[in-house]
PDB file of N, CA and C in Angstrom:
ATOM      1  N   MET A   1     -15.301 -21.877  -3.738  1.00  0.00           N
ATOM      2  CA  MET A   1     -16.298 -21.172  -4.522  1.00  0.00           C
ATOM      3  C   MET A   1     -15.824 -21.156  -5.953  1.00  0.00           C
ATOM      4  N   GLU A   2     -14.595 -21.093  -6.339  1.00  0.00           N
ATOM      5  CA  GLU A   2     -14.190 -21.315  -7.640  1.00  0.00           C
ATOM      6  C   GLU A   2     -14.404 -22.812  -8.229  1.00  0.00           C
ATOM      7  N   ILE A   3     -14.275 -23.727  -7.381  1.00  0.00           N
ATOM      8  CA  ILE A   3     -14.537 -24.933  -7.859  1.00  0.00           C
ATOM      9  C   ILE A   3     -15.805 -25.168  -8.186  1.00  0.00           C
ATOM     10  N   LEU A   4     -16.753 -24.711  -7.408  1.00  0.00           N
ATOM     11  CA  LEU A   4     -18.212 -24.733  -7.921  1.00  0.00           C
ATOM     12  C   LEU A   4     -18.497 -24.024  -9.169  1.00  0.00           C
ATOM     13  N   GLN A   5     -17.916 -22.989  -9.312  1.00  0.00           N
ATOM     14  CA  GLN A   5     -18.117 -22.308 -10.554  1.00  0.00           C
ATOM     15  C   GLN A   5     -17.635 -22.904 -11.825  1.00  0.00           C
ATOM     16  N   LEU A   6     -16.321 -23.518 -11.570  1.00  0.00           N
ATOM     17  CA  LEU A   6     -15.724 -24.248 -12.675  1.00  0.00           C
ATOM     18  C   LEU A   6     -16.601 -25.534 -13.053  1.00  0.00           C
ATOM     19  N   PHE A   7     -16.992 -26.114 -11.932  1.00  0.00           N
ATOM     20  CA  PHE A   7     -17.911 -27.335 -12.252  1.00  0.00           C
ATOM     21  C   PHE A   7     -19.120 -27.013 -13.131  1.00  0.00           C
ATOM     22  N   PHE A   8     -19.705 -25.926 -12.808  1.00  0.00           N
ATOM     23  CA  PHE A   8     -20.913 -25.609 -13.601  1.00  0.00           C
ATOM     24  C   PHE A   8     -20.620 -24.861 -15.050  1.00  0.00           C
ATOM     25  N   GLU A   9     -19.487 -24.432 -15.143  1.00  0.00           N
ATOM     26  CA  GLU A   9     -19.135 -23.743 -16.424  1.00  0.00           C
ATOM     27  C   GLU A   9     -18.504 -24.709 -17.348  1.00  0.00           C
ATOM     28  N   LYS A  10     -17.627 -25.651 -16.903  1.00  0.00           N
ATOM     29  CA  LYS A  10     -16.884 -26.483 -17.722  1.00  0.00           C
ATOM     30  C   LYS A  10     -17.453 -27.844 -18.184  1.00  0.00           C
ATOM     31  N   ASP A  11     -18.105 -28.324 -17.139  1.00  0.00           N
ATOM     32  CA  ASP A  11     -18.668 -29.846 -17.339  1.00  0.00           C
ATOM     33  C   ASP A  11     -19.827 -29.764 -18.332  1.00  0.00           C
ATOM     34  N   GLN A  12     -19.599 -30.538 -19.399  1.00  0.00           N
ATOM     35  CA  GLN A  12     -20.611 -30.564 -20.475  1.00  0.00           C
ATOM     36  C   GLN A  12     -21.774 -31.330 -20.070  1.00  0.00           C
ATOM     37  N   LEU A  13     -21.604 -32.262 -19.066  1.00  0.00           N
ATOM     38  CA  LEU A  13     -22.884 -33.133 -18.524  1.00  0.00           C
ATOM     39  C   LEU A  13     -23.735 -32.217 -17.802  1.00  0.00           C
ATOM     40  N   ASN A  14     -23.257 -30.999 -17.271  1.00  0.00           N
ATOM     41  CA  ASN A  14     -24.171 -30.272 -16.358  1.00  0.00           C
ATOM     42  C   ASN A  14     -24.668 -28.978 -17.017  1.00  0.00           C
ATOM     43  N   LYS A  15     -24.863 -29.109 -18.410  1.00  0.00           N
ATOM     44  CA  LYS A  15     -25.457 -27.828 -19.013  1.00  0.00           C
ATOM     45  C   LYS A  15     -26.761 -27.569 -18.548  1.00  0.00           C
ATOM     46  N   GLU A  16     -27.766 -28.506 -18.360  1.00  0.00           N
ATOM     47  CA  GLU A  16     -29.032 -28.305 -17.880  1.00  0.00           C
ATOM     48  C   GLU A  16     -28.950 -27.861 -16.503  1.00  0.00           C
ATOM     49  N   LEU A  17     -28.070 -28.294 -15.675  1.00  0.00           N
ATOM     50  CA  LEU A  17     -27.917 -27.834 -14.292  1.00  0.00           C
ATOM     51  C   LEU A  17     -27.505 -26.277 -14.323  1.00  0.00           C
ATOM     52  N   THR A  18     -26.610 -25.963 -15.251  1.00  0.00           N
ATOM     53  CA  THR A  18     -26.205 -24.715 -15.307  1.00  0.00           C
ATOM     54  C   THR A  18     -27.154 -23.669 -15.678  1.00  0.00           C
ATOM     55  N   LYS A  19     -27.965 -24.142 -16.684  1.00  0.00           N
ATOM     56  CA  LYS A  19     -29.146 -23.199 -17.109  1.00  0.00           C
ATOM     57  C   LYS A  19     -30.083 -23.047 -16.029  1.00  0.00           C
ATOM     58  N   LYS A  20     -30.370 -24.101 -15.244  1.00  0.00           N
ATOM     59  CA  LYS A  20     -31.352 -24.065 -14.251  1.00  0.00           C
ATOM     60  C   LYS A  20     -30.899 -23.385 -13.028  1.00  0.00           C
ATOM     61  N   TYR A  21     -29.724 -23.573 -12.493  1.00  0.00           N
ATOM     62  CA  TYR A  21     -29.059 -23.021 -11.347  1.00  0.00           C
ATOM     63  C   TYR A  21     -27.973 -21.823 -11.521  1.00  0.00           C
ATOM     64  N   GLY A  22     -27.659 -21.558 -12.810  1.00  0.00           N
ATOM     65  CA  GLY A  22     -26.453 -20.694 -12.992  1.00  0.00           C
ATOM     66  C   GLY A  22     -26.675 -19.402 -12.406  1.00  0.00           C
ATOM     67  N   GLU A  23     -27.992 -18.776 -12.549  1.00  0.00           N
ATOM     68  CA  GLU A  23     -28.118 -17.478 -11.960  1.00  0.00           C
ATOM     69  C   GLU A  23     -27.919 -17.552 -10.409  1.00  0.00           C
ATOM     70  N   HIS A  24     -28.542 -18.441  -9.765  1.00  0.00           N
ATOM     71  CA  HIS A  24     -28.405 -18.570  -8.352  1.00  0.00           C
ATOM     72  C   HIS A  24     -26.872 -18.869  -7.868  1.00  0.00           C
ATOM     73  N   ILE A  25     -26.188 -19.630  -8.611  1.00  0.00           N
ATOM     74  CA  ILE A  25     -24.659 -19.789  -8.248  1.00  0.00           C
ATOM     75  C   ILE A  25     -24.106 -18.559  -8.351  1.00  0.00           C
ATOM     76  N   GLU A  26     -24.328 -17.748  -9.406  1.00  0.00           N
ATOM     77  CA  GLU A  26     -23.650 -16.469  -9.640  1.00  0.00           C
ATOM     78  C   GLU A  26     -24.006 -15.581  -8.561  1.00  0.00           C
ATOM     79  N   ARG A  27     -25.204 -15.625  -8.039  1.00  0.00           N
ATOM     80  CA  ARG A  27     -25.605 -14.475  -6.926  1.00  0.00           C
ATOM     81  C   ARG A  27     -24.862 -15.014  -5.606  1.00  0.00           C
ATOM     82  N   VAL A  28     -24.911 -16.422  -5.286  1.00  0.00           N
ATOM     83  CA  VAL A  28     -24.159 -16.836  -4.141  1.00  0.00           C
ATOM     84  C   VAL A  28     -22.702 -16.542  -4.218  1.00  0.00           C
ATOM     85  N   LEU A  29     -22.050 -16.672  -5.438  1.00  0.00           N
ATOM     86  CA  LEU A  29     -20.528 -16.406  -5.523  1.00  0.00           C
ATOM     87  C   LEU A  29     -20.307 -14.862  -5.250  1.00  0.00           C
ATOM     88  N   LYS A  30     -21.075 -14.126  -5.867  1.00  0.00           N
ATOM     89  CA  LYS A  30     -21.028 -12.514  -5.608  1.00  0.00           C
ATOM     90  C   LYS A  30     -21.000 -12.241  -4.155  1.00  0.00           C
ATOM     91  N   GLU A  31     -22.043 -12.891  -3.413  1.00  0.00           N
ATOM     92  CA  GLU A  31     -22.157 -12.600  -1.906  1.00  0.00           C
ATOM     93  C   GLU A  31     -21.023 -13.250  -1.210  1.00  0.00           C
ATOM     94  N   VAL A  32     -20.474 -14.336  -1.603  1.00  0.00           N
ATOM     95  CA  VAL A  32     -19.255 -14.972  -0.888  1.00  0.00           C
ATOM     96  C   VAL A  32     -18.023 -13.988  -1.188  1.00  0.00           C
ATOM     97  N   TYR A  33     -17.931 -13.482  -2.345  1.00  0.00           N
ATOM     98  CA  TYR A  33     -16.725 -12.409  -2.588  1.00  0.00           C
ATOM     99  C   TYR A  33     -16.932 -11.227  -1.838  1.00  0.00           C
ATOM    100  N   ARG A  34     -18.298 -10.703  -1.692  1.00  0.00           N
ATOM    101  CA  ARG A  34     -18.542  -9.554  -0.873  1.00  0.00           C
ATOM    102  C   ARG A  34     -18.102  -9.718   0.517  1.00  0.00           C
ATOM    103  N   MET A  35     -18.587 -10.947   1.167  1.00  0.00           N
ATOM    104  CA  MET A  35     -18.274 -11.200   2.390  1.00  0.00           C
ATOM    105  C   MET A  35     -16.709 -11.452   2.644  1.00  0.00           C
ATOM    106  N   ASP A  36     -16.066 -11.988   1.708  1.00  0.00           N
ATOM    107  CA  ASP A  36     -14.599 -12.020   1.672  1.00  0.00           C
ATOM    108  C   ASP A  36     -13.928 -10.601   1.845  1.00  0.00           C
ATOM    109  N   ASN A  37     -14.455  -9.776   1.066  1.00  0.00           N
ATOM    110  CA  ASN A  37     -13.845  -8.458   1.057  1.00  0.00           C
ATOM    111  C   ASN A  37     -14.153  -7.728   2.310  1.00  0.00           C
ATOM    112  N   LEU A  38     -15.362  -8.031   2.846  1.00  0.00           N
ATOM    113  CA  LEU A  38     -15.722  -7.452   4.208  1.00  0.00           C
ATOM    114  C   LEU A  38     -14.802  -7.868   5.255  1.00  0.00           C
ATOM    115  N   LEU A  39     -14.531  -9.107   5.242  1.00  0.00           N
ATOM    116  CA  LEU A  39     -13.522  -9.765   6.319  1.00  0.00           C
ATOM    117  C   LEU A  39     -12.202  -9.253   6.213  1.00  0.00           C
ATOM    118  N   ALA A  40     -11.790  -9.197   4.993  1.00  0.00           N
ATOM    119  CA  ALA A  40     -10.349  -8.619   4.597  1.00  0.00           C
ATOM    120  C   ALA A  40     -10.292  -7.179   5.154  1.00  0.00           C
ATOM    121  N   ASP A  41     -11.332  -6.332   4.993  1.00  0.00           N
ATOM    122  CA  ASP A  41     -11.316  -4.966   5.412  1.00  0.00           C
ATOM    123  C   ASP A  41     -11.383  -4.995   6.900  1.00  0.00           C
ATOM    124  N   LEU A  42     -12.096  -5.901   7.590  1.00  0.00           N
ATOM    125  CA  LEU A  42     -12.101  -5.979   9.006  1.00  0.00           C
ATOM    126  C   LEU A  42     -10.751  -6.263   9.595  1.00  0.00           C
ATOM    127  N   VAL A  43     -10.088  -7.270   9.012  1.00  0.00           N
ATOM    128  CA  VAL A  43      -8.651  -7.431   9.428  1.00  0.00           C
ATOM    129  C   VAL A  43      -7.753  -6.374   9.247  1.00  0.00           C
ATOM    130  N   VAL A  44      -7.828  -5.628   8.264  1.00  0.00           N
ATOM    131  CA  VAL A  44      -6.955  -4.403   8.054  1.00  0.00           C
ATOM    132  C   VAL A  44      -7.351  -3.421   9.142  1.00  0.00           C
ATOM    133  N   VAL A  45      -8.706  -3.033   9.397  1.00  0.00           N
ATOM    134  CA  VAL A  45      -9.016  -2.156  10.363  1.00  0.00           C
ATOM    135  C   VAL A  45      -8.686  -2.539  11.673  1.00  0.00           C
ATOM    136  N   GLY A  46      -8.745  -3.837  12.050  1.00  0.00           N
ATOM    137  CA  GLY A  46      -8.268  -4.355  13.393  1.00  0.00           C
ATOM    138  C   GLY A  46      -6.808  -4.275  13.503  1.00  0.00           C
ATOM    139  N   ARG A  47      -5.906  -4.518  12.389  1.00  0.00           N
ATOM    140  CA  ARG A  47      -4.586  -4.327  12.616  1.00  0.00           C
ATOM    141  C   ARG A  47      -4.178  -2.739  12.970  1.00  0.00           C
ATOM    142  N   ILE A  48      -4.921  -1.959  12.148  1.00  0.00           N
ATOM    143  CA  ILE A  48      -4.680  -0.520  12.341  1.00  0.00           C
ATOM    144  C   ILE A  48      -5.008  -0.153  13.762  1.00  0.00           C
ATOM    145  N   GLU A  49      -6.139  -0.642  14.312  1.00  0.00           N
ATOM    146  CA  GLU A  49      -6.574  -0.278  15.556  1.00  0.00           C
ATOM    147  C   GLU A  49      -5.633  -0.743  16.724  1.00  0.00           C
ATOM    148  N   ASP A  50      -5.043  -1.913  16.487  1.00  0.00           N
ATOM    149  CA  ASP A  50      -4.130  -2.623  17.343  1.00  0.00           C
ATOM    150  C   ASP A  50      -2.755  -2.032  17.326  1.00  0.00           C
ATOM    151  N   GLY A  51      -2.450  -1.224  16.273  1.00  0.00           N
ATOM    152  CA  GLY A  51      -1.086  -0.505  15.993  1.00  0.00           C
ATOM    153  C   GLY A  51      -0.187  -1.489  15.377  1.00  0.00           C
ATOM    154  N   LYS A  52      -0.735  -2.639  14.791  1.00  0.00           N
ATOM    155  CA  LYS A  52       0.141  -3.479  14.154  1.00  0.00           C
ATOM    156  C   LYS A  52       0.393  -3.190  12.481  1.00  0.00           C
ATOM    157  N   GLU A  53      -0.516  -2.237  12.187  1.00  0.00           N
ATOM    158  CA  GLU A  53      -0.447  -1.810  10.714  1.00  0.00           C
ATOM    159  C   GLU A  53       0.415  -0.422  10.698  1.00  0.00           C
ATOM    160  N   ALA A  54       1.431  -0.423  10.185  1.00  0.00           N
ATOM    161  CA  ALA A  54       2.326   0.851  10.249  1.00  0.00           C
ATOM    162  C   ALA A  54       2.026   1.580   9.069  1.00  0.00           C
ATOM    163  N   PHE A  55       1.775   2.881   9.147  1.00  0.00           N
ATOM    164  CA  PHE A  55       1.567   3.771   7.944  1.00  0.00           C
ATOM    165  C   PHE A  55       3.071   4.255   7.518  1.00  0.00           C
ATOM    166  N   ASP A  56       3.274   4.252   6.326  1.00  0.00           N
ATOM    167  CA  ASP A  56       4.581   4.871   5.697  1.00  0.00           C
ATOM    168  C   ASP A  56       4.270   6.083   4.839  1.00  0.00           C
ATOM    169  N   PHE A  57       4.133   7.153   5.291  1.00  0.00           N
ATOM    170  CA  PHE A  57       3.788   8.411   4.538  1.00  0.00           C
ATOM    171  C   PHE A  57       4.870   8.840   3.775  1.00  0.00           C
ATOM    172  N   SER A  58       4.567   9.191   2.621  1.00  0.00           N
ATOM    173  CA  SER A  58       5.586   9.915   1.680  1.00  0.00           C
ATOM    174  C   SER A  58       4.941  10.812   0.708  1.00  0.00           C
ATOM    175  N   GLU A  59       5.652  11.600   0.180  1.00  0.00           N
ATOM    176  CA  GLU A  59       4.988  12.560  -0.812  1.00  0.00           C
ATOM    177  C   GLU A  59       4.999  11.897  -2.190  1.00  0.00           C
ATOM    178  N   GLY A  60       3.885  12.134  -2.923  1.00  0.00           N
ATOM    179  CA  GLY A  60       3.784  11.625  -4.228  1.00  0.00           C
ATOM    180  C   GLY A  60       2.755  12.296  -4.957  1.00  0.00           C
ATOM    181  N   ASP A  61       2.796  12.044  -6.283  1.00  0.00           N
ATOM    182  CA  ASP A  61       1.835  12.593  -7.239  1.00  0.00           C
ATOM    183  C   ASP A  61       0.606  11.718  -7.295  1.00  0.00           C
ATOM    184  N   LEU A  62      -0.457  11.982  -6.676  1.00  0.00           N
ATOM    185  CA  LEU A  62      -1.714  11.295  -6.557  1.00  0.00           C
ATOM    186  C   LEU A  62      -2.262  10.750  -8.006  1.00  0.00           C
ATOM    187  N   ASN A  63      -2.227  11.672  -8.881  1.00  0.00           N
ATOM    188  CA  ASN A  63      -2.661  11.332 -10.323  1.00  0.00           C
ATOM    189  C   ASN A  63      -1.906  10.254 -10.790  1.00  0.00           C
ATOM    190  N   VAL A  64      -0.577  10.264 -10.871  1.00  0.00           N
ATOM    191  CA  VAL A  64       0.260   9.289 -11.412  1.00  0.00           C
ATOM    192  C   VAL A  64       0.151   7.884 -10.480  1.00  0.00           C
ATOM    193  N   TYR A  65      -0.043   8.053  -9.299  1.00  0.00           N
ATOM    194  CA  TYR A  65      -0.191   6.746  -8.521  1.00  0.00           C
ATOM    195  C   TYR A  65      -1.479   6.208  -8.850  1.00  0.00           C
ATOM    196  N   ILE A  66      -2.569   6.771  -9.069  1.00  0.00           N
ATOM    197  CA  ILE A  66      -3.876   6.159  -9.390  1.00  0.00           C
ATOM    198  C   ILE A  66      -3.747   5.560 -10.784  1.00  0.00           C
ATOM    199  N   THR A  67      -3.254   6.369 -11.645  1.00  0.00           N
ATOM    200  CA  THR A  67      -3.116   5.791 -13.017  1.00  0.00           C
ATOM    201  C   THR A  67      -2.115   4.594 -13.010  1.00  0.00           C
ATOM    202  N   GLU A  68      -1.108   4.467 -12.306  1.00  0.00           N
ATOM    203  CA  GLU A  68      -0.179   3.238 -12.276  1.00  0.00           C
ATOM    204  C   GLU A  68      -1.206   1.991 -11.713  1.00  0.00           C
ATOM    205  N   ILE A  69      -1.974   2.302 -10.580  1.00  0.00           N
ATOM    206  CA  ILE A  69      -2.787   1.174 -10.177  1.00  0.00           C
ATOM    207  C   ILE A  69      -3.761   0.739 -11.203  1.00  0.00           C
ATOM    208  N   VAL A  70      -4.506   1.629 -11.874  1.00  0.00           N
ATOM    209  CA  VAL A  70      -5.395   1.375 -12.869  1.00  0.00           C
ATOM    210  C   VAL A  70      -4.705   0.544 -13.927  1.00  0.00           C
ATOM    211  N   GLN A  71      -3.556   0.951 -14.403  1.00  0.00           N
ATOM    212  CA  GLN A  71      -2.985   0.369 -15.549  1.00  0.00           C
ATOM    213  C   GLN A  71      -2.573  -1.079 -15.251  1.00  0.00           C
ATOM    214  N   ASP A  72      -1.945  -1.218 -13.996  1.00  0.00           N
ATOM    215  CA  ASP A  72      -1.322  -2.532 -13.447  1.00  0.00           C
ATOM    216  C   ASP A  72      -2.500  -3.496 -13.304  1.00  0.00           C
ATOM    217  N   LEU A  73      -3.596  -3.106 -12.743  1.00  0.00           N
ATOM    218  CA  LEU A  73      -4.628  -4.124 -12.428  1.00  0.00           C
ATOM    219  C   LEU A  73      -5.990  -4.161 -13.153  1.00  0.00           C
ATOM    220  N   PHE A  74      -6.208  -3.125 -13.766  1.00  0.00           N
ATOM    221  CA  PHE A  74      -7.696  -2.998 -14.325  1.00  0.00           C
ATOM    222  C   PHE A  74      -7.687  -2.557 -15.735  1.00  0.00           C
ATOM    223  N   TYR A  75      -6.598  -2.614 -16.581  1.00  0.00           N
ATOM    224  CA  TYR A  75      -6.637  -2.174 -17.904  1.00  0.00           C
ATOM    225  C   TYR A  75      -5.892  -3.136 -18.867  1.00  0.00           C
ATOM    226  N   PRO A  76      -6.539  -3.825 -19.699  1.00  0.00           N
ATOM    227  CA  PRO A  76      -8.039  -4.051 -19.840  1.00  0.00           C
ATOM    228  C   PRO A  76      -8.405  -5.160 -18.909  1.00  0.00           C
ATOM    229  N   TYR A  77      -9.538  -5.203 -18.381  1.00  0.00           N
ATOM    230  CA  TYR A  77      -9.973  -6.219 -17.523  1.00  0.00           C
ATOM    231  C   TYR A  77     -10.144  -7.483 -18.241  1.00  0.00           C
ATOM    232  N   SER A  78     -10.040  -8.714 -17.659  1.00  0.00           N
ATOM    233  CA  SER A  78      -9.876  -9.998 -18.294  1.00  0.00           C
ATOM    234  C   SER A  78     -11.141 -10.261 -19.192  1.00  0.00           C
ATOM    235  N   ASP A  79     -12.316  -9.706 -18.947  1.00  0.00           N
ATOM    236  CA  ASP A  79     -13.412 -10.037 -19.702  1.00  0.00           C
ATOM    237  C   ASP A  79     -13.707  -8.874 -20.716  1.00  0.00           C
ATOM    238  N   GLY A  80     -12.615  -8.073 -21.026  1.00  0.00           N
ATOM    239  CA  GLY A  80     -12.869  -6.914 -22.021  1.00  0.00           C
ATOM    240  C   GLY A  80     -13.309  -5.715 -21.677  1.00  0.00           C
ATOM    241  N   ARG A  81     -13.803  -5.619 -20.428  1.00  0.00           N
ATOM    242  CA  ARG A  81     -14.337  -4.358 -19.943  1.00  0.00           C
ATOM    243  C   ARG A  81     -13.099  -3.382 -19.569  1.00  0.00           C
ATOM    244  N   LYS A  82     -13.311  -2.213 -19.795  1.00  0.00           N
ATOM    245  CA  LYS A  82     -12.154  -1.309 -19.403  1.00  0.00           C
ATOM    246  C   LYS A  82     -12.703  -0.152 -18.536  1.00  0.00           C
ATOM    247  N   LEU A  83     -11.781   0.381 -17.858  1.00  0.00           N
ATOM    248  CA  LEU A  83     -12.120   1.401 -16.918  1.00  0.00           C
ATOM    249  C   LEU A  83     -11.773   2.766 -17.401  1.00  0.00           C
ATOM    250  N   SER A  84     -12.924   3.533 -17.468  1.00  0.00           N
ATOM    251  CA  SER A  84     -12.744   5.036 -17.888  1.00  0.00           C
ATOM    252  C   SER A  84     -12.812   5.928 -16.639  1.00  0.00           C
ATOM    253  N   TYR A  85     -11.969   6.822 -16.457  1.00  0.00           N
ATOM    254  CA  TYR A  85     -11.958   7.645 -15.310  1.00  0.00           C
ATOM    255  C   TYR A  85     -11.337   9.005 -15.689  1.00  0.00           C
ATOM    256  N   GLU A  86     -11.536   9.992 -14.951  1.00  0.00           N
ATOM    257  CA  GLU A  86     -11.064  11.321 -14.908  1.00  0.00           C
ATOM    258  C   GLU A  86     -10.616  11.781 -13.561  1.00  0.00           C
ATOM    259  N   ILE A  87      -9.459  12.299 -13.370  1.00  0.00           N
ATOM    260  CA  ILE A  87      -9.114  12.872 -12.088  1.00  0.00           C
ATOM    261  C   ILE A  87      -9.023  14.278 -12.203  1.00  0.00           C
ATOM    262  N   THR A  88      -9.917  14.944 -11.307  1.00  0.00           N
ATOM    263  CA  THR A  88      -9.974  16.446 -11.322  1.00  0.00           C
ATOM    264  C   THR A  88      -9.609  16.899  -9.996  1.00  0.00           C
ATOM    265  N   ASN A  89      -8.538  17.548  -9.797  1.00  0.00           N
ATOM    266  CA  ASN A  89      -8.076  18.171  -8.571  1.00  0.00           C
ATOM    267  C   ASN A  89      -7.360  19.445  -8.812  1.00  0.00           C
ATOM    268  N   PRO A  90      -7.388  20.358  -7.921  1.00  0.00           N
ATOM    269  CA  PRO A  90      -6.465  21.507  -8.129  1.00  0.00           C
ATOM    270  C   PRO A  90      -5.007  21.150  -8.200  1.00  0.00           C
ATOM    271  N   ALA A  91      -4.283  21.945  -8.952  1.00  0.00           N
ATOM    272  CA  ALA A  91      -2.841  21.824  -9.192  1.00  0.00           C
ATOM    273  C   ALA A  91      -2.038  21.631  -7.808  1.00  0.00           C
ATOM    274  N   GLU A  92      -2.524  22.416  -6.745  1.00  0.00           N
ATOM    275  CA  GLU A  92      -1.744  22.361  -5.539  1.00  0.00           C
ATOM    276  C   GLU A  92      -1.986  21.184  -4.825  1.00  0.00           C
ATOM    277  N   LEU A  93      -3.087  20.301  -5.050  1.00  0.00           N
ATOM    278  CA  LEU A  93      -3.349  19.004  -4.497  1.00  0.00           C
ATOM    279  C   LEU A  93      -2.784  17.859  -5.277  1.00  0.00           C
ATOM    280  N   GLN A  94      -1.968  18.097  -6.309  1.00  0.00           N
ATOM    281  CA  GLN A  94      -1.418  17.028  -7.117  1.00  0.00           C
ATOM    282  C   GLN A  94      -0.427  16.261  -6.236  1.00  0.00           C
ATOM    283  N   THR A  95       0.665  16.996  -5.694  1.00  0.00           N
ATOM    284  CA  THR A  95       1.498  16.329  -4.862  1.00  0.00           C
ATOM    285  C   THR A  95       1.074  16.363  -3.339  1.00  0.00           C
ATOM    286  N   VAL A  96       0.759  15.099  -2.846  1.00  0.00           N
ATOM    287  CA  VAL A  96       0.409  15.147  -1.455  1.00  0.00           C
ATOM    288  C   VAL A  96       1.065  14.185  -0.714  1.00  0.00           C
ATOM    289  N   THR A  97       0.971  14.001   0.745  1.00  0.00           N
ATOM    290  CA  THR A  97       1.504  13.271   1.533  1.00  0.00           C
ATOM    291  C   THR A  97       0.562  12.117   1.890  1.00  0.00           C
ATOM    292  N   PHE A  98       0.873  10.859   1.586  1.00  0.00           N
ATOM    293  CA  PHE A  98      -0.063   9.713   1.818  1.00  0.00           C
ATOM    294  C   PHE A  98       0.608   8.447   2.096  1.00  0.00           C
ATOM    295  N   CYS A  99       0.031   7.558   2.563  1.00  0.00           N
ATOM    296  CA  CYS A  99       0.570   6.133   2.685  1.00  0.00           C
ATOM    297  C   CYS A  99       0.150   5.396   1.474  1.00  0.00           C
ATOM    298  N   LYS A 100       1.023   5.018   0.638  1.00  0.00           N
ATOM    299  CA  LYS A 100       0.928   4.500  -0.754  1.00  0.00           C
ATOM    300  C   LYS A 100       0.199   3.151  -0.493  1.00  0.00           C
ATOM    301  N   ARG A 101       0.673   2.328   0.280  1.00  0.00           N
ATOM    302  CA  ARG A 101       0.281   0.981   0.525  1.00  0.00           C
ATOM    303  C   ARG A 101      -1.212   0.882   0.984  1.00  0.00           C
ATOM    304  N   MET A 102      -1.574   1.796   1.948  1.00  0.00           N
ATOM    305  CA  MET A 102      -3.091   1.861   2.368  1.00  0.00           C
ATOM    306  C   MET A 102      -3.663   2.467   1.256  1.00  0.00           C
ATOM    307  N   PHE A 103      -3.241   3.529   0.649  1.00  0.00           N
ATOM    308  CA  PHE A 103      -4.184   4.010  -0.476  1.00  0.00           C
ATOM    309  C   PHE A 103      -4.464   3.077  -1.578  1.00  0.00           C
ATOM    310  N   ARG A 104      -3.436   2.374  -2.015  1.00  0.00           N
ATOM    311  CA  ARG A 104      -3.412   1.268  -2.986  1.00  0.00           C
ATOM    312  C   ARG A 104      -4.479   0.322  -2.461  1.00  0.00           C
ATOM    313  N   HIS A 105      -4.575  -0.086  -1.327  1.00  0.00           N
ATOM    314  CA  HIS A 105      -5.605  -0.980  -0.821  1.00  0.00           C
ATOM    315  C   HIS A 105      -6.996  -0.477  -0.960  1.00  0.00           C
ATOM    316  N   CYS A 106      -7.174   0.797  -0.563  1.00  0.00           N
ATOM    317  CA  CYS A 106      -8.530   1.325  -0.798  1.00  0.00           C
ATOM    318  C   CYS A 106      -8.878   1.603  -2.220  1.00  0.00           C
ATOM    319  N   ILE A 107      -8.067   1.982  -3.056  1.00  0.00           N
ATOM    320  CA  ILE A 107      -8.393   2.138  -4.470  1.00  0.00           C
ATOM    321  C   ILE A 107      -8.729   0.794  -5.137  1.00  0.00           C
ATOM    322  N   VAL A 108      -7.940  -0.220  -4.858  1.00  0.00           N
ATOM    323  CA  VAL A 108      -8.103  -1.556  -5.449  1.00  0.00           C
ATOM    324  C   VAL A 108      -9.335  -2.140  -4.863  1.00  0.00           C
ATOM    325  N   ASN A 109      -9.670  -1.894  -3.701  1.00  0.00           N
ATOM    326  CA  ASN A 109     -10.932  -2.333  -3.066  1.00  0.00           C
ATOM    327  C   ASN A 109     -12.138  -1.812  -3.798  1.00  0.00           C
ATOM    328  N   VAL A 110     -12.152  -0.436  -3.959  1.00  0.00           N
ATOM    329  CA  VAL A 110     -13.199   0.229  -4.419  1.00  0.00           C
ATOM    330  C   VAL A 110     -13.388  -0.209  -6.016  1.00  0.00           C
ATOM    331  N   LEU A 111     -12.300  -0.318  -6.639  1.00  0.00           N
ATOM    332  CA  LEU A 111     -12.403  -0.542  -8.133  1.00  0.00           C
ATOM    333  C   LEU A 111     -12.743  -2.032  -8.464  1.00  0.00           C
ATOM    334  N   SER A 112     -12.098  -2.998  -7.599  1.00  0.00           N
ATOM    335  CA  SER A 112     -12.516  -4.350  -7.598  1.00  0.00           C
ATOM    336  C   SER A 112     -14.084  -4.691  -7.436  1.00  0.00           C
ATOM    337  N   ASN A 113     -14.543  -3.978  -6.402  1.00  0.00           N
ATOM    338  CA  ASN A 113     -16.012  -4.079  -6.163  1.00  0.00           C
ATOM    339  C   ASN A 113     -16.793  -3.562  -7.248  1.00  0.00           C
ATOM    340  N   ALA A 114     -16.381  -2.332  -7.824  1.00  0.00           N
ATOM    341  CA  ALA A 114     -17.109  -1.848  -8.928  1.00  0.00           C
ATOM    342  C   ALA A 114     -17.121  -2.898 -10.144  1.00  0.00           C
ATOM    343  N   PHE A 115     -16.042  -3.524 -10.393  1.00  0.00           N
ATOM    344  CA  PHE A 115     -16.007  -4.500 -11.467  1.00  0.00           C
ATOM    345  C   PHE A 115     -16.781  -5.721 -11.060  1.00  0.00           C
ATOM    346  N   LYS A 116     -16.791  -6.289  -9.949  1.00  0.00           N
ATOM    347  CA  LYS A 116     -17.395  -7.474  -9.535  1.00  0.00           C
ATOM    348  C   LYS A 116     -18.936  -7.225  -9.535  1.00  0.00           C
ATOM    349  N   TYR A 117     -19.378  -6.218  -9.063  1.00  0.00           N
ATOM    350  CA  TYR A 117     -20.829  -6.017  -8.904  1.00  0.00           C
ATOM    351  C   TYR A 117     -21.573  -5.039  -9.934  1.00  0.00           C
ATOM    352  N   SER A 118     -20.846  -5.022 -11.121  1.00  0.00           N
ATOM    353  CA  SER A 118     -21.548  -4.249 -12.257  1.00  0.00           C
ATOM    354  C   SER A 118     -21.647  -4.960 -13.363  1.00  0.00           C
TER     355      SER A 118
END
């Protein structure tokens, strides 16, 4: 899919094709990425159901962890977009027990999809 995208974006000989088919190719690529994400999610769910995915629960500050994920992966986004967010939760829920690896997977999935499809 990246090869097709690069072919239409970089090749000067194909500017007319890019104008004509660029929107369609972009739509196809978005759907391919969406299907790839769905399949990856199904694999994770399958591993959880089969007991092959172990959860490693530990206490942590949810606000700090979310901020780390956002700063590591989404700030600033490669095309210049930035993520603006606000975490509002009661002080007693700031430190919680959760599986950091699975929580990271969920947050990255949601935010990646938001950036891809917006």
